[in-house]
Amino acid sequence: RTFPTHPYFSVQLGAGQLSLFNLLKAYSLLDKEVGYCQGISFVAGVLLLHMSEEQAFEMLKFLMYDLGFRKQYRPDMMSL
């Protein structure tokens, strides 16, 4: 459901979908408070279009923790 018309993500269980799953699963295990949130998939998807899974994971951690994006995805949505 994330960028369904983009060639990288359009193939069911293709490389893009599997990379996105891996990235979101890894982040949800790292950040128990936020866990899995559908909105994060669009940020993760853009990262995966420009870098490897490992680089995308590190960048997602940077965005979420260092730049404070995770406040938008917490259950209390404190930054919204």
N, C-alpha and C. Protein backbone atom coordinates (compact mmCIF):
# COMPACT_ATOMS: atom_id res chain seq x y z
N ARG A 1 0.80 -1.20 0.00
CA ARG A 1 0.00 0.00 0.00
C ARG A 1 0.85 1.26 0.00
N THR A 2 2.13 1.12 0.20
CA THR A 2 3.02 2.27 0.16
C THR A 2 3.56 2.43 -1.25
N PHE A 3 3.24 3.54 -1.90
CA PHE A 3 3.65 3.81 -3.28
C PHE A 3 3.34 2.62 -4.20
N PRO A 4 2.09 2.21 -4.28
CA PRO A 4 1.75 0.99 -5.03
C PRO A 4 2.02 1.06 -6.53
N THR A 5 2.12 2.24 -7.09
CA THR A 5 2.37 2.34 -8.53
C THR A 5 3.85 2.51 -8.87
N HIS A 6 4.69 2.69 -7.85
CA HIS A 6 6.12 2.82 -8.11
C HIS A 6 6.70 1.44 -8.43
N PRO A 7 7.47 1.33 -9.50
CA PRO A 7 8.00 0.01 -9.90
C PRO A 7 8.74 -0.74 -8.79
N TYR A 8 9.45 -0.03 -7.94
CA TYR A 8 10.22 -0.69 -6.88
C TYR A 8 9.33 -1.38 -5.85
N PHE A 9 8.15 -0.83 -5.63
CA PHE A 9 7.25 -1.37 -4.60
C PHE A 9 6.05 -2.12 -5.17
N SER A 10 5.87 -2.12 -6.47
CA SER A 10 4.63 -2.65 -7.05
C SER A 10 4.56 -4.18 -7.13
N VAL A 11 5.70 -4.86 -7.14
CA VAL A 11 5.70 -6.32 -7.26
C VAL A 11 5.44 -6.94 -5.89
N GLN A 12 4.38 -7.73 -5.81
CA GLN A 12 4.02 -8.37 -4.53
C GLN A 12 5.17 -9.27 -4.07
N LEU A 13 5.63 -9.03 -2.87
CA LEU A 13 6.77 -9.73 -2.27
C LEU A 13 8.06 -9.57 -3.09
N GLY A 14 8.14 -8.47 -3.82
CA GLY A 14 9.35 -8.15 -4.58
C GLY A 14 10.39 -7.51 -3.67
N ALA A 15 11.51 -7.16 -4.25
CA ALA A 15 12.62 -6.60 -3.48
C ALA A 15 12.22 -5.35 -2.69
N GLY A 16 11.45 -4.47 -3.30
CA GLY A 16 11.04 -3.24 -2.62
C GLY A 16 10.14 -3.50 -1.44
N GLN A 17 9.15 -4.36 -1.62
CA GLN A 17 8.23 -4.67 -0.52
C GLN A 17 8.95 -5.38 0.62
N LEU A 18 9.87 -6.28 0.27
CA LEU A 18 10.61 -6.99 1.32
C LEU A 18 11.56 -6.05 2.07
N SER A 19 12.20 -5.15 1.35
CA SER A 19 13.07 -4.17 2.01
C SER A 19 12.27 -3.26 2.93
N LEU A 20 11.11 -2.84 2.47
CA LEU A 20 10.25 -2.00 3.29
C LEU A 20 9.80 -2.75 4.54
N PHE A 21 9.40 -4.00 4.38
CA PHE A 21 9.00 -4.81 5.53
C PHE A 21 10.17 -4.93 6.51
N ASN A 22 11.35 -5.24 6.02
CA ASN A 22 12.52 -5.40 6.89
C ASN A 22 12.81 -4.12 7.66
N LEU A 23 12.76 -3.00 6.97
CA LEU A 23 13.05 -1.72 7.61
C LEU A 23 12.02 -1.38 8.67
N LEU A 24 10.75 -1.54 8.35
CA LEU A 24 9.69 -1.22 9.31
C LEU A 24 9.69 -2.18 10.50
N LYS A 25 9.96 -3.44 10.24
CA LYS A 25 10.04 -4.43 11.33
C LYS A 25 11.19 -4.11 12.26
N ALA A 26 12.35 -3.81 11.69
CA ALA A 26 13.52 -3.47 12.50
C ALA A 26 13.25 -2.23 13.35
N TYR A 27 12.65 -1.22 12.75
CA TYR A 27 12.37 0.00 13.52
C TYR A 27 11.34 -0.27 14.62
N SER A 28 10.33 -1.06 14.33
CA SER A 28 9.30 -1.34 15.34
C SER A 28 9.88 -2.10 16.53
N LEU A 29 10.89 -2.93 16.28
CA LEU A 29 11.55 -3.64 17.38
C LEU A 29 12.46 -2.72 18.18
N LEU A 30 13.05 -1.74 17.52
CA LEU A 30 13.92 -0.77 18.19
C LEU A 30 13.11 0.17 19.07
N ASP A 31 12.03 0.69 18.55
CA ASP A 31 11.24 1.73 19.23
C ASP A 31 9.91 1.14 19.69
N LYS A 32 9.92 0.57 20.87
CA LYS A 32 8.72 -0.12 21.38
C LYS A 32 7.56 0.86 21.61
N GLU A 33 7.86 2.11 21.95
CA GLU A 33 6.79 3.07 22.21
C GLU A 33 6.01 3.39 20.93
N VAL A 34 6.70 3.61 19.84
CA VAL A 34 6.05 3.91 18.57
C VAL A 34 5.61 2.62 17.89
N GLY A 35 6.49 1.63 17.87
CA GLY A 35 6.18 0.35 17.22
C GLY A 35 5.97 0.54 15.73
N TYR A 36 4.97 -0.16 15.18
CA TYR A 36 4.65 -0.02 13.76
C TYR A 36 3.56 1.02 13.61
N CYS A 37 3.75 1.94 12.69
CA CYS A 37 2.76 2.97 12.39
C CYS A 37 2.75 3.15 10.88
N GLN A 38 1.57 3.06 10.27
CA GLN A 38 1.49 3.12 8.81
C GLN A 38 2.15 4.35 8.21
N GLY A 39 2.07 5.47 8.86
CA GLY A 39 2.63 6.70 8.32
C GLY A 39 4.13 6.65 8.13
N ILE A 40 4.81 5.85 8.94
CA ILE A 40 6.27 5.75 8.83
C ILE A 40 6.67 5.08 7.52
N SER A 41 5.79 4.27 6.97
CA SER A 41 6.15 3.54 5.75
C SER A 41 6.45 4.48 4.58
N PHE A 42 5.83 5.64 4.54
CA PHE A 42 6.10 6.57 3.45
C PHE A 42 7.48 7.22 3.60
N VAL A 43 7.86 7.51 4.83
CA VAL A 43 9.21 8.03 5.07
C VAL A 43 10.23 6.95 4.74
N ALA A 44 9.99 5.74 5.23
CA ALA A 44 10.90 4.62 4.98
C ALA A 44 10.99 4.31 3.49
N GLY A 45 9.87 4.37 2.79
CA GLY A 45 9.86 4.09 1.36
C GLY A 45 10.73 5.05 0.58
N VAL A 46 10.65 6.33 0.90
CA VAL A 46 11.48 7.33 0.22
C VAL A 46 12.95 7.06 0.50
N LEU A 47 13.27 6.72 1.74
CA LEU A 47 14.66 6.41 2.07
C LEU A 47 15.17 5.23 1.26
N LEU A 48 14.34 4.19 1.13
CA LEU A 48 14.75 2.99 0.40
C LEU A 48 14.94 3.26 -1.09
N LEU A 49 14.30 4.28 -1.61
CA LEU A 49 14.50 4.62 -3.02
C LEU A 49 15.86 5.25 -3.27
N HIS A 50 16.53 5.66 -2.19
CA HIS A 50 17.79 6.39 -2.34
C HIS A 50 19.00 5.74 -1.69
N MET A 51 18.78 4.67 -0.91
CA MET A 51 19.90 4.05 -0.20
C MET A 51 19.59 2.61 0.15
N SER A 52 20.57 1.91 0.65
CA SER A 52 20.41 0.51 1.04
C SER A 52 19.53 0.39 2.29
N GLU A 53 19.11 -0.83 2.60
CA GLU A 53 18.30 -1.05 3.80
C GLU A 53 19.05 -0.58 5.04
N GLU A 54 20.32 -0.93 5.13
CA GLU A 54 21.11 -0.57 6.31
C GLU A 54 21.23 0.94 6.46
N GLN A 55 21.51 1.61 5.36
CA GLN A 55 21.62 3.07 5.40
C GLN A 55 20.26 3.69 5.72
N ALA A 56 19.20 3.14 5.16
CA ALA A 56 17.85 3.65 5.41
C ALA A 56 17.48 3.49 6.88
N PHE A 57 17.87 2.38 7.48
CA PHE A 57 17.59 2.16 8.90
C PHE A 57 18.31 3.20 9.75
N GLU A 58 19.58 3.43 9.46
CA GLU A 58 20.34 4.44 10.21
C GLU A 58 19.74 5.83 10.02
N MET A 59 19.33 6.15 8.80
CA MET A 59 18.74 7.45 8.53
C MET A 59 17.38 7.59 9.22
N LEU A 60 16.59 6.51 9.21
CA LEU A 60 15.29 6.55 9.89
C LEU A 60 15.48 6.78 11.38
N LYS A 61 16.45 6.11 11.98
CA LYS A 61 16.75 6.34 13.41
C LYS A 61 17.14 7.80 13.63
N PHE A 62 17.97 8.35 12.76
CA PHE A 62 18.39 9.74 12.88
C PHE A 62 17.19 10.68 12.79
N LEU A 63 16.34 10.45 11.79
CA LEU A 63 15.16 11.30 11.62
C LEU A 63 14.23 11.21 12.83
N MET A 64 14.00 10.01 13.28
CA MET A 64 13.04 9.79 14.36
C MET A 64 13.55 10.29 15.70
N TYR A 65 14.78 9.95 16.04
CA TYR A 65 15.31 10.31 17.36
C TYR A 65 16.01 11.67 17.38
N ASP A 66 16.97 11.86 16.50
CA ASP A 66 17.77 13.08 16.55
C ASP A 66 17.00 14.31 16.09
N LEU A 67 16.17 14.15 15.05
CA LEU A 67 15.39 15.29 14.56
C LEU A 67 14.00 15.36 15.17
N GLY A 68 13.63 14.35 15.95
CA GLY A 68 12.39 14.40 16.71
C GLY A 68 11.13 14.01 15.96
N PHE A 69 11.27 13.38 14.79
CA PHE A 69 10.07 12.99 14.04
C PHE A 69 9.19 12.02 14.82
N ARG A 70 9.79 11.23 15.71
CA ARG A 70 9.01 10.19 16.39
C ARG A 70 7.90 10.78 17.26
N LYS A 71 8.01 12.04 17.63
CA LYS A 71 6.95 12.67 18.43
C LYS A 71 5.62 12.67 17.68
N GLN A 72 5.68 12.70 16.36
CA GLN A 72 4.44 12.68 15.56
C GLN A 72 3.78 11.31 15.55
N TYR A 73 4.57 10.26 15.80
CA TYR A 73 4.08 8.90 15.68
C TYR A 73 3.82 8.24 17.03
N ARG A 74 4.14 8.91 18.13
CA ARG A 74 3.85 8.35 19.45
C ARG A 74 2.34 8.29 19.66
N PRO A 75 1.88 7.42 20.55
CA PRO A 75 0.43 7.32 20.79
C PRO A 75 -0.22 8.65 21.20
N ASP A 76 0.51 9.50 21.92
CA ASP A 76 -0.06 10.79 22.35
C ASP A 76 0.07 11.88 21.29
N MET A 77 0.77 11.59 20.18
CA MET A 77 0.99 12.53 19.09
C MET A 77 1.35 13.91 19.60
N MET A 78 2.28 13.98 20.52
CA MET A 78 2.58 15.22 21.23
C MET A 78 3.02 16.37 20.32
N SER A 79 3.63 16.10 19.19
CA SER A 79 4.06 17.23 18.35
C SER A 79 2.99 17.70 17.39
N LEU A 80 1.88 16.97 17.30
CA LEU A 80 0.81 17.44 16.45
C LEU A 80 -0.09 18.37 17.23
